């Protein structure tokens, strides 16, 4: 049986073997990594292999979405990895249909339907806690085990110099908003008043002149002055305060629903809510990765199109998270509990909660590691602008994008096939149509057979079981789930 560390090591190794193109600049740029791992168990052995891998941290705004289906709306690593896996599953179905020996699928009981082979399963790896609800977690007091520690008070006051400037500068470094999506949880302290920011004077007077408000006195070694003791007491108070705060997510509550209270500390966020990822200056329609993973635990990660060919949905048996700020309770709440009571699902669909595990191994290109290795004069630390997709397919397995299009494409090529990512909607749709083309008419899925279908929207809508399961999920668990405008899905 594999371990969480073995899975993370496997994914990090696969990433290291990829070409340099699209990877973050060491010591200056960071990114997130996600992957789909196939597990094959036979009487003699167990084999695990990465079949899809993705990196990325960004999303495009609503106005940049395309009615041609040729732009990636969501380039977060989790989404990239899942879309690459759909490429992989489509090729595996093509091999099965053509009798070429798929390593994933075998003939199902129904005509034109396929099912995952016995002993084959899929698990999901992500180097960081998914954005959204799962990343709203208490701050850990053990800084050694926390990749992105809260601001330390001993860093705030450099040798008794201008404390206000020191604190402001440090806070700015910790919280600078980049020109893209910063998916790393924000670690911020409540704003301090002018009195609280003074190094001596009024702060000392406030604590010493009003014994009722002063912290309990701690033993003082010989030679320590009053100011030193007060600062130590203040540091202890800050430490206690950090235990009463949470990591914060940049994902915003969906419109029309409850909002975050935005209160200090633990009261900043509401939990259990659907959230949308922030865009480059404007809102997006992309739901958080926490929300999408929760959805895949009910509908499967194969999508509506491939469900035509499948006897049942394909689920992740486990989700492994790399070393980062992590809470099993928050993961359970965000990915499992919210959908645990969904019922009346059609045949082939069920609530399939994955096992939740964390690895002790951190991604070398995480934000925390990048900041740790950053050298002065190298420019500010920022998220990598590119997204990488790699999947185990025979043709063009690697796809590098930026701003939703192929990396390095010229403005002149925008709107043409040369600019398209291999995992954008229209390319995945064309791959599906190619699968239909090689399927014998007598073995076409019944949901498609004899129907006049033309657009991406048409083929999605006639996936009746999938759409019924989606309706049950929305009505019972996610009534505020945002849906793309129909006009954006009418491409051929």
Protein backbone atom coordinates (compact mmCIF):
# COMPACT_ATOMS: atom_id res chain seq x y z
CA UNK A 1 0.00 0.00 0.00
CA UNK A 2 1.35 3.41 -0.97
CA UNK A 3 1.93 6.22 1.53
CA UNK A 4 1.24 9.95 1.25
CA UNK A 5 4.97 10.68 1.11
CA UNK A 6 5.45 8.17 -1.70
CA UNK A 7 2.71 9.85 -3.72
CA UNK A 8 4.06 13.36 -3.21
CA UNK A 9 7.61 12.21 -4.05
CA UNK A 10 6.31 10.58 -7.24
CA UNK A 11 4.53 13.79 -8.31
CA UNK A 12 7.50 16.03 -7.49
CA UNK A 13 9.78 13.70 -9.49
CA UNK A 14 7.46 13.81 -12.52
CA UNK A 15 7.51 17.60 -12.36
CA UNK A 16 11.30 17.70 -12.14
CA UNK A 17 11.54 15.60 -15.30
CA UNK A 18 9.56 18.11 -17.38
CA UNK A 19 11.35 20.65 -19.59
CA UNK A 20 12.15 24.09 -18.13
CA UNK A 21 9.52 25.91 -20.19
CA UNK A 22 6.71 27.27 -18.01
CA UNK A 23 8.42 26.46 -14.72
CA UNK A 24 8.90 29.18 -12.08
CA UNK A 25 12.22 31.01 -11.86
CA UNK A 26 13.95 29.54 -8.78
CA UNK A 27 14.13 31.90 -5.82
CA UNK A 28 11.80 34.46 -7.39
CA UNK A 29 8.64 32.77 -8.71
CA UNK A 30 6.40 30.20 -7.06
CA UNK A 31 3.60 27.98 -8.23
CA UNK A 32 1.27 25.20 -7.08
CA UNK A 33 1.33 21.60 -8.28
CA UNK A 34 -1.48 19.07 -8.63
CA UNK A 35 -1.62 15.63 -10.19
CA UNK A 36 -3.83 12.62 -10.85
CA UNK A 37 -2.21 9.31 -9.97
CA UNK A 38 -3.43 5.95 -11.27
CA UNK A 39 -3.14 2.99 -8.90
CA UNK A 40 -3.18 -0.50 -10.40
CA UNK A 41 -3.39 -3.45 -8.01
CA UNK A 42 -2.87 -7.02 -9.14
CA UNK A 43 -2.28 -10.21 -7.15
CA UNK A 44 1.46 -9.81 -7.58
CA UNK A 45 2.09 -6.07 -7.37
CA UNK A 46 0.79 -2.54 -6.90
CA UNK A 47 1.78 0.12 -9.40
CA UNK A 48 1.30 3.87 -9.03
CA UNK A 49 1.93 6.30 -11.88
CA UNK A 50 1.22 9.97 -12.58
CA UNK A 51 -1.20 10.20 -15.52
CA UNK A 52 -1.83 13.95 -15.39
CA UNK A 53 0.00 16.86 -13.82
CA UNK A 54 -0.75 20.57 -13.64
CA UNK A 55 0.74 23.77 -12.28
CA UNK A 56 -0.77 27.23 -12.04
CA UNK A 57 -2.27 29.89 -9.78
CA UNK A 58 -4.33 32.21 -11.98
CA UNK A 59 -7.81 32.79 -13.41
CA UNK A 60 -9.21 35.07 -16.09
CA UNK A 61 -11.98 37.55 -15.41
CA UNK A 62 -15.51 37.22 -16.69
CA UNK A 63 -15.02 39.68 -19.56
CA UNK A 64 -12.08 37.63 -20.93
CA UNK A 65 -14.17 34.45 -21.34
CA UNK A 66 -14.65 33.29 -24.91
CA UNK A 67 -17.77 32.05 -26.72
CA UNK A 68 -15.46 29.92 -28.89
CA UNK A 69 -14.37 27.76 -25.95
CA UNK A 70 -10.75 28.45 -26.83
CA UNK A 71 -9.49 30.01 -23.59
CA UNK A 72 -8.76 28.44 -20.21
CA UNK A 73 -10.92 30.24 -17.68
CA UNK A 74 -9.35 28.60 -14.63
CA UNK A 75 -5.63 27.82 -14.53
CA UNK A 76 -5.31 26.73 -10.92
CA UNK A 77 -3.17 23.60 -10.68
CA UNK A 78 -6.04 21.37 -9.51
CA UNK A 79 -8.18 22.31 -12.51
CA UNK A 80 -5.28 21.93 -14.96
CA UNK A 81 -4.52 18.44 -13.61
CA UNK A 82 -8.13 17.35 -13.87
CA UNK A 83 -8.53 18.66 -17.43
CA UNK A 84 -5.34 16.89 -18.46
CA UNK A 85 -6.77 13.71 -16.98
CA UNK A 86 -9.84 14.07 -19.19
CA UNK A 87 -7.47 14.06 -22.20
CA UNK A 88 -5.93 10.90 -20.81
CA UNK A 89 -9.30 9.19 -20.18
CA UNK A 90 -10.53 10.14 -23.67
CA UNK A 91 -7.50 8.46 -25.25
CA UNK A 92 -7.99 5.39 -23.04
CA UNK A 93 -11.63 5.15 -24.15
CA UNK A 94 -10.53 5.46 -27.77
CA UNK A 95 -8.11 2.57 -27.26
CA UNK A 96 -10.87 0.50 -25.64
CA UNK A 97 -13.37 1.24 -28.42
CA UNK A 98 -10.79 0.37 -31.11
CA UNK A 99 -9.76 -2.84 -29.38
CA UNK A 100 -6.23 -1.61 -28.70
CA UNK A 101 -6.12 -2.66 -25.06
CA UNK A 102 -6.87 0.16 -22.63
CA UNK A 103 -5.12 -0.05 -19.27
CA UNK A 104 -8.07 1.71 -17.60
CA UNK A 105 -11.38 0.59 -19.12
CA UNK A 106 -13.12 -2.69 -19.90
CA UNK A 107 -16.50 -3.48 -21.44
CA UNK A 108 -19.47 -2.71 -19.21
CA UNK A 109 -22.74 -4.61 -18.91
CA UNK A 110 -24.66 -2.13 -21.07
CA UNK A 111 -24.21 -1.83 -24.82
CA UNK A 112 -21.78 0.99 -25.66
CA UNK A 113 -20.79 1.47 -22.02
CA UNK A 114 -17.39 1.04 -20.39
CA UNK A 115 -16.26 0.76 -16.79
CA UNK A 116 -13.00 1.12 -14.88
CA UNK A 117 -11.14 -2.17 -14.65
CA UNK A 118 -11.07 -4.03 -11.35
CA UNK A 119 -8.01 -3.08 -9.35
CA UNK A 120 -7.65 0.34 -11.02
CA UNK A 121 -8.33 3.53 -9.06
CA UNK A 122 -7.32 7.17 -9.14
CA UNK A 123 -6.14 9.50 -6.41
CA UNK A 124 -5.59 13.24 -6.44
CA UNK A 125 -2.50 15.05 -5.22
CA UNK A 126 -2.15 18.78 -4.56
CA UNK A 127 0.93 20.48 -3.14
CA UNK A 128 -1.19 22.96 -1.18
CA UNK A 129 -4.53 23.00 0.59
CA UNK A 130 -7.21 23.75 -2.05
CA UNK A 131 -8.32 27.38 -2.19
CA UNK A 132 -11.70 28.27 -0.74
CA UNK A 133 -13.34 26.63 2.25
CA UNK A 134 -10.64 24.01 2.88
CA UNK A 135 -8.00 26.72 3.37
CA UNK A 136 -9.91 28.50 6.15
CA UNK A 137 -8.02 26.90 9.00
CA UNK A 138 -6.63 27.93 12.40
CA UNK A 139 -3.06 29.18 12.42
CA UNK A 140 -0.66 26.65 13.90
CA UNK A 141 1.49 27.65 16.84
CA UNK A 142 4.34 25.33 15.80
CA UNK A 143 6.18 27.47 13.30
CA UNK A 144 8.65 24.72 12.46
CA UNK A 145 5.87 22.64 10.91
CA UNK A 146 4.20 25.59 9.25
CA UNK A 147 5.58 26.47 5.78
CA UNK A 148 4.21 30.00 5.91
CA UNK A 149 4.61 31.14 9.54
CA UNK A 150 2.84 34.21 10.94
CA UNK A 151 4.87 37.39 11.34
CA UNK A 152 7.15 37.02 14.35
CA UNK A 153 7.32 39.84 16.83
CA UNK A 154 11.10 39.48 17.12
CA UNK A 155 11.31 40.40 13.42
CA UNK A 156 9.10 43.40 13.91
CA UNK A 157 11.40 45.41 16.18
CA UNK A 158 14.93 45.44 14.78
CA UNK A 159 17.18 46.42 17.71
CA UNK A 160 14.72 48.92 19.08
CA UNK A 161 14.71 51.03 15.91
CA UNK A 162 11.63 52.52 14.29
CA UNK A 163 9.14 49.82 15.12
CA UNK A 164 6.30 51.23 13.08
CA UNK A 165 8.34 51.27 9.89
CA UNK A 166 9.67 47.81 10.61
CA UNK A 167 6.24 46.35 11.19
CA UNK A 168 4.69 48.01 8.15
CA UNK A 169 7.52 46.93 5.86
CA UNK A 170 7.42 43.36 7.12
CA UNK A 171 3.68 43.19 6.81
CA UNK A 172 3.92 44.54 3.27
CA UNK A 173 6.40 41.81 2.34
CA UNK A 174 4.15 39.14 3.81
CA UNK A 175 0.99 40.35 2.14
CA UNK A 176 1.96 42.03 -1.13
CA UNK A 177 -0.72 41.32 -3.68
CA UNK A 178 0.75 40.18 -6.96
CA UNK A 179 -0.48 41.00 -10.43
CA UNK A 180 -2.13 37.59 -10.63
CA UNK A 181 -3.81 35.23 -8.29
CA UNK A 182 -2.18 34.69 -4.93
CA UNK A 183 -3.65 31.40 -3.88
CA UNK A 184 -1.49 31.16 -0.79
CA UNK A 185 -3.49 31.98 2.37
CA UNK A 186 -3.06 35.54 3.55
CA UNK A 187 -1.50 35.87 6.95
CA UNK A 188 -2.29 39.27 8.31
CA UNK A 189 -2.52 40.86 11.70
CA UNK A 190 -5.27 43.27 12.66
CA UNK A 191 -4.23 46.88 12.14
CA UNK A 192 -2.63 48.37 15.23
CA UNK A 193 -3.42 51.79 16.58
CA UNK A 194 -0.73 54.45 16.79
CA UNK A 195 -0.45 53.81 20.53
CA UNK A 196 0.04 50.08 20.02
CA UNK A 197 2.78 50.68 17.48
CA UNK A 198 4.90 52.90 19.71
CA UNK A 199 8.01 51.18 20.99
CA UNK A 200 8.18 53.01 24.34
CA UNK A 201 6.45 55.98 25.92
CA UNK A 202 2.70 55.58 25.79
CA UNK A 203 2.74 51.79 25.48
CA UNK A 204 4.87 51.43 28.61
CA UNK A 205 2.74 53.97 30.42
CA UNK A 206 -0.50 52.23 29.39
CA UNK A 207 0.73 48.90 30.70
CA UNK A 208 2.43 50.14 33.88
CA UNK A 209 0.06 52.89 34.92
CA UNK A 210 -3.04 50.70 34.67
CA UNK A 211 -2.29 47.46 36.52
CA UNK A 212 -5.76 46.12 35.77
CA UNK A 213 -4.95 46.02 32.03
CA UNK A 214 -1.35 44.88 32.36
CA UNK A 215 -0.43 41.28 31.57
CA UNK A 216 0.51 39.08 34.48
CA UNK A 217 4.06 39.86 35.52
CA UNK A 218 6.66 37.28 34.55
CA UNK A 219 9.93 36.69 36.45
CA UNK A 220 12.55 39.25 35.50
CA UNK A 221 16.21 38.42 35.37
CA UNK A 222 18.71 40.78 36.92
CA UNK A 223 19.56 43.65 34.61
CA UNK A 224 16.33 43.57 32.62
CA UNK A 225 14.68 46.97 32.42
CA UNK A 226 10.94 47.65 32.46
CA UNK A 227 10.77 48.22 28.71
CA UNK A 228 12.32 44.82 27.96
CA UNK A 229 9.82 43.11 30.23
CA UNK A 230 6.91 44.95 28.66
CA UNK A 231 8.05 44.04 25.16
CA UNK A 232 8.35 40.39 26.17
CA UNK A 233 4.85 40.51 27.61
CA UNK A 234 3.63 42.13 24.41
CA UNK A 235 5.31 39.35 22.38
CA UNK A 236 3.56 36.72 24.49
CA UNK A 237 0.25 38.49 23.89
CA UNK A 238 0.90 38.48 20.11
CA UNK A 239 1.66 34.77 20.25
CA UNK A 240 -1.60 34.09 22.06
CA UNK A 241 -3.40 36.26 19.51
CA UNK A 242 -1.96 34.23 16.61
CA UNK A 243 -3.53 31.12 18.08
CA UNK A 244 -6.89 32.85 17.77
CA UNK A 245 -6.55 33.69 14.07
CA UNK A 246 -7.10 31.80 10.84
CA UNK A 247 -5.46 31.47 7.48
CA UNK A 248 -7.53 33.44 5.02
CA UNK A 249 -8.56 32.64 1.48
CA UNK A 250 -8.65 35.09 -1.40
CA UNK A 251 -11.76 33.38 -2.77
CA UNK A 252 -14.89 35.49 -2.32
CA UNK A 253 -18.38 34.34 -1.37
CA UNK A 254 -20.62 33.76 -4.39
CA UNK A 255 -23.01 36.64 -5.13
CA UNK A 256 -26.48 36.37 -3.65
CA UNK A 257 -25.44 34.30 -0.63
CA UNK A 258 -24.10 34.90 2.88
CA UNK A 259 -21.03 37.12 3.16
CA UNK A 260 -17.92 36.93 5.31
CA UNK A 261 -18.27 38.85 8.61
CA UNK A 262 -14.71 40.23 8.16
CA UNK A 263 -14.30 40.40 11.93
CA UNK A 264 -10.81 40.17 13.48
CA UNK A 265 -9.31 36.76 14.11
CA UNK A 266 -11.50 33.68 13.91
CA UNK A 267 -14.53 35.76 12.91
CA UNK A 268 -13.07 36.93 9.59
CA UNK A 269 -14.60 34.19 7.41
CA UNK A 270 -17.79 32.16 7.35
CA UNK A 271 -17.18 28.49 6.63
CA UNK A 272 -19.00 26.02 4.40
CA UNK A 273 -19.82 28.59 1.70
CA UNK A 274 -19.34 28.44 -2.05
CA UNK A 275 -16.63 30.83 -3.20
CA UNK A 276 -15.34 32.22 -6.48
CA UNK A 277 -11.68 32.75 -7.28
CA UNK A 278 -10.51 36.33 -7.62
CA UNK A 279 -9.46 37.56 -11.06
CA UNK A 280 -7.03 40.16 -12.34
CA UNK A 281 -9.04 43.17 -11.19
CA UNK A 282 -12.51 41.77 -11.89
CA UNK A 283 -14.71 38.93 -10.64
CA UNK A 284 -14.54 35.46 -12.16
CA UNK A 285 -17.12 32.71 -12.60
CA UNK A 286 -14.63 30.06 -11.45
CA UNK A 287 -15.66 28.31 -8.25
CA UNK A 288 -12.91 27.60 -5.72
CA UNK A 289 -10.91 24.38 -5.89
CA UNK A 290 -12.51 23.27 -2.59
CA UNK A 291 -15.92 23.55 -4.22
CA UNK A 292 -14.85 21.72 -7.39
CA UNK A 293 -13.28 18.85 -5.48
CA UNK A 294 -16.45 18.52 -3.41
CA UNK A 295 -18.48 18.43 -6.62
CA UNK A 296 -16.26 15.75 -8.16
CA UNK A 297 -16.91 13.57 -5.11
CA UNK A 298 -20.56 13.37 -6.22
CA UNK A 299 -20.50 13.74 -10.03
CA UNK A 300 -17.11 12.17 -10.66
CA UNK A 301 -14.21 13.94 -12.35
CA UNK A 302 -14.84 12.56 -15.86
CA UNK A 303 -17.23 15.38 -16.85
CA UNK A 304 -20.50 15.31 -18.77
CA UNK A 305 -19.14 14.31 -22.19
CA UNK A 306 -17.27 11.18 -21.15
CA UNK A 307 -20.21 10.11 -18.97
CA UNK A 308 -21.97 9.15 -22.22
CA UNK A 309 -19.51 6.26 -22.55
CA UNK A 310 -19.20 5.27 -18.89
CA UNK A 311 -21.35 2.88 -16.88
CA UNK A 312 -20.61 4.89 -13.75
CA UNK A 313 -18.84 8.05 -12.63
CA UNK A 314 -15.09 7.93 -11.94
CA UNK A 315 -14.11 9.13 -8.46
CA UNK A 316 -10.90 9.89 -6.59
CA UNK A 317 -10.29 7.27 -3.91
CA UNK A 318 -8.01 9.61 -1.96
CA UNK A 319 -6.76 13.19 -1.86
CA UNK A 320 -3.18 13.74 -0.74
CA UNK A 321 -1.99 17.23 0.23
CA UNK A 322 1.68 18.23 0.42
CA UNK A 323 3.25 19.88 3.44
CA UNK A 324 1.56 23.24 4.02
CA UNK A 325 -0.89 24.83 6.47
CA UNK A 326 -3.44 22.02 6.75
CA UNK A 327 -6.46 21.01 8.80
CA UNK A 328 -8.08 17.61 8.43
CA UNK A 329 -11.24 19.05 9.98
CA UNK A 330 -11.40 21.85 7.39
CA UNK A 331 -10.74 19.41 4.53
CA UNK A 332 -13.47 17.11 5.83
CA UNK A 333 -15.91 20.02 6.09
CA UNK A 334 -15.12 21.50 2.69
CA UNK A 335 -14.75 18.39 0.53
CA UNK A 336 -17.00 15.82 2.19
CA UNK A 337 -19.49 17.07 4.79
CA UNK A 338 -21.13 19.69 2.58
CA UNK A 339 -22.32 17.02 0.12
CA UNK A 340 -22.65 14.02 2.43
CA UNK A 341 -26.46 14.15 2.58
CA UNK A 342 -27.12 14.33 -1.18
CA UNK A 343 -29.62 11.62 -2.14
CA UNK A 344 -31.77 10.47 -5.08
CA UNK A 345 -28.79 10.23 -7.43
CA UNK A 346 -29.26 8.25 -10.65
CA UNK A 347 -27.63 4.86 -11.23
CA UNK A 348 -23.88 5.12 -11.62
CA UNK A 349 -23.56 8.09 -9.26
CA UNK A 350 -23.09 8.15 -5.51
CA UNK A 351 -21.57 10.28 -2.77
CA UNK A 352 -18.01 8.96 -2.80
CA UNK A 353 -15.95 10.63 -0.04
CA UNK A 354 -12.20 10.31 -0.68
CA UNK A 355 -9.68 9.40 1.99
CA UNK A 356 -7.89 12.56 3.15
CA UNK A 357 -4.14 12.40 3.76
CA UNK A 358 -1.23 14.79 4.16
CA UNK A 359 2.38 14.29 3.15
CA UNK A 360 5.33 15.59 5.15
CA UNK A 361 7.11 16.66 1.95
CA UNK A 362 6.87 20.24 0.71
CA UNK A 363 6.95 21.29 -2.94
CA UNK A 364 10.30 22.90 -3.77
CA UNK A 365 8.59 25.71 -5.70
CA UNK A 366 5.95 26.59 -3.08
CA UNK A 367 5.58 30.21 -2.06
CA UNK A 368 7.11 29.52 1.36
CA UNK A 369 10.16 27.77 -0.10
CA UNK A 370 10.59 30.47 -2.74
CA UNK A 371 10.51 33.23 -0.13
CA UNK A 372 12.97 31.28 2.02
CA UNK A 373 15.42 30.95 -0.90
CA UNK A 374 14.89 34.48 -2.25
CA UNK A 375 18.07 36.53 -2.67
CA UNK A 376 18.15 40.35 -2.33
CA UNK A 377 18.26 42.11 -5.66
CA UNK A 378 16.42 39.31 -7.49
CA UNK A 379 13.13 41.20 -7.71
CA UNK A 380 10.04 40.60 -5.64
CA UNK A 381 8.66 37.11 -5.11
CA UNK A 382 5.62 36.56 -7.31
CA UNK A 383 3.50 33.70 -8.70
CA UNK A 384 4.65 32.20 -11.98
CA UNK A 385 2.56 33.50 -14.87
CA UNK A 386 2.56 30.22 -16.78
CA UNK A 387 0.55 27.05 -16.26
CA UNK A 388 1.83 23.61 -17.24
CA UNK A 389 -0.27 20.62 -18.25
CA UNK A 390 1.28 17.22 -18.80
CA UNK A 391 -0.65 13.99 -19.28
CA UNK A 392 0.18 10.43 -20.30
CA UNK A 393 -1.10 10.60 -23.89
CA UNK A 394 0.67 9.52 -27.06
CA UNK A 395 0.53 12.86 -28.89
CA UNK A 396 1.63 16.24 -27.49
CA UNK A 397 1.53 15.37 -23.80
CA UNK A 398 2.93 18.77 -22.74
CA UNK A 399 0.91 21.99 -22.92
CA UNK A 400 2.15 25.32 -21.50
CA UNK A 401 -0.20 28.29 -21.26
CA UNK A 402 -0.35 31.86 -19.98
CA UNK A 403 -3.46 34.02 -19.57
CA UNK A 404 -5.58 31.15 -20.88
CA UNK A 405 -3.74 30.72 -24.21
CA UNK A 406 -0.65 28.88 -25.38
CA UNK A 407 2.49 30.28 -23.84
CA UNK A 408 4.38 32.64 -26.15
CA UNK A 409 1.58 33.02 -28.70
CA UNK A 410 1.42 36.35 -30.55
CA UNK A 411 -1.60 38.65 -30.48
CA UNK A 412 -2.02 38.02 -34.19
CA UNK A 413 -2.62 34.32 -33.53
CA UNK A 414 -5.29 34.87 -30.86
CA UNK A 415 -8.60 33.40 -31.99
CA UNK A 416 -6.89 30.75 -34.13
CA UNK A 417 -6.20 27.10 -33.37
CA UNK A 418 -2.50 27.93 -32.90
CA UNK A 419 -3.34 29.85 -29.73
CA UNK A 420 -5.46 27.14 -28.11
CA UNK A 421 -4.47 25.11 -25.12
CA UNK A 422 -4.88 21.37 -25.66
CA UNK A 423 -7.11 21.25 -22.58
CA UNK A 424 -9.45 24.15 -23.38
CA UNK A 425 -13.15 23.33 -23.84
CA UNK A 426 -13.18 23.27 -27.63
CA UNK A 427 -10.09 21.03 -27.88
CA UNK A 428 -11.50 18.54 -25.38
CA UNK A 429 -14.80 18.64 -27.30
CA UNK A 430 -13.02 17.89 -30.57
CA UNK A 431 -11.24 14.97 -28.89
CA UNK A 432 -14.63 13.65 -27.80
CA UNK A 433 -16.01 14.02 -31.34
CA UNK A 434 -13.01 12.03 -32.61
CA UNK A 435 -13.94 9.31 -30.12
CA UNK A 436 -17.47 9.26 -31.52
CA UNK A 437 -16.09 9.05 -35.06
CA UNK A 438 -14.17 5.81 -34.35
CA UNK A 439 -17.07 4.19 -32.50
CA UNK A 440 -19.15 1.74 -34.53
CA UNK A 441 -22.67 3.11 -34.94
CA UNK A 442 -24.14 -0.02 -33.37
CA UNK A 443 -22.03 0.61 -30.26
CA UNK A 444 -22.69 4.33 -29.84
CA UNK A 445 -23.98 5.24 -26.37
CA UNK A 446 -27.76 5.16 -26.27
CA UNK A 447 -27.85 8.74 -24.93
CA UNK A 448 -26.35 9.94 -28.24
CA UNK A 449 -27.63 7.40 -30.78
CA UNK A 450 -29.97 8.84 -33.41
CA UNK A 451 -29.90 12.40 -32.08
CA UNK A 452 -29.11 15.51 -34.11
CA UNK A 453 -26.47 17.14 -31.96
CA UNK A 454 -24.11 19.90 -33.02
CA UNK A 455 -22.73 22.08 -30.24
CA UNK A 456 -20.80 21.49 -27.04
CA UNK A 457 -23.93 22.54 -25.15
CA UNK A 458 -26.04 19.95 -27.04
CA UNK A 459 -23.77 17.03 -26.15
CA UNK A 460 -23.56 18.07 -22.49
CA UNK A 461 -27.32 18.46 -22.11
CA UNK A 462 -28.20 14.99 -23.45
CA UNK A 463 -25.96 13.33 -20.84
CA UNK A 464 -29.14 12.73 -18.90
CA UNK A 465 -27.83 10.80 -15.91
CA UNK A 466 -25.02 13.29 -15.38
CA UNK A 467 -27.39 16.25 -15.65
CA UNK A 468 -29.83 14.62 -13.24
CA UNK A 469 -27.04 14.03 -10.71
CA UNK A 470 -25.89 17.63 -11.17
CA UNK A 471 -29.43 18.86 -10.53
CA UNK A 472 -29.68 16.86 -7.30
CA UNK A 473 -26.32 18.23 -6.14
CA UNK A 474 -27.32 21.83 -6.85
CA UNK A 475 -30.76 21.58 -5.28
CA UNK A 476 -29.62 19.79 -2.13
CA UNK A 477 -26.11 21.13 -1.44
CA UNK A 478 -25.03 23.92 -3.79
CA UNK A 479 -28.07 25.99 -4.86
CA UNK A 480 -25.85 29.05 -5.50
CA UNK A 481 -23.45 27.24 -7.85
CA UNK A 482 -22.62 29.61 -10.71
CA UNK A 483 -23.27 28.34 -14.23
CA UNK A 484 -21.70 29.59 -17.43
CA UNK A 485 -23.95 31.51 -19.78
CA UNK A 486 -25.39 29.26 -22.47
CA UNK A 487 -24.02 31.61 -25.12
CA UNK A 488 -20.49 30.69 -24.02
CA UNK A 489 -21.12 27.00 -24.73
CA UNK A 490 -22.59 27.08 -28.23
CA UNK A 491 -19.39 26.35 -30.13
CA UNK A 492 -18.82 23.49 -32.56
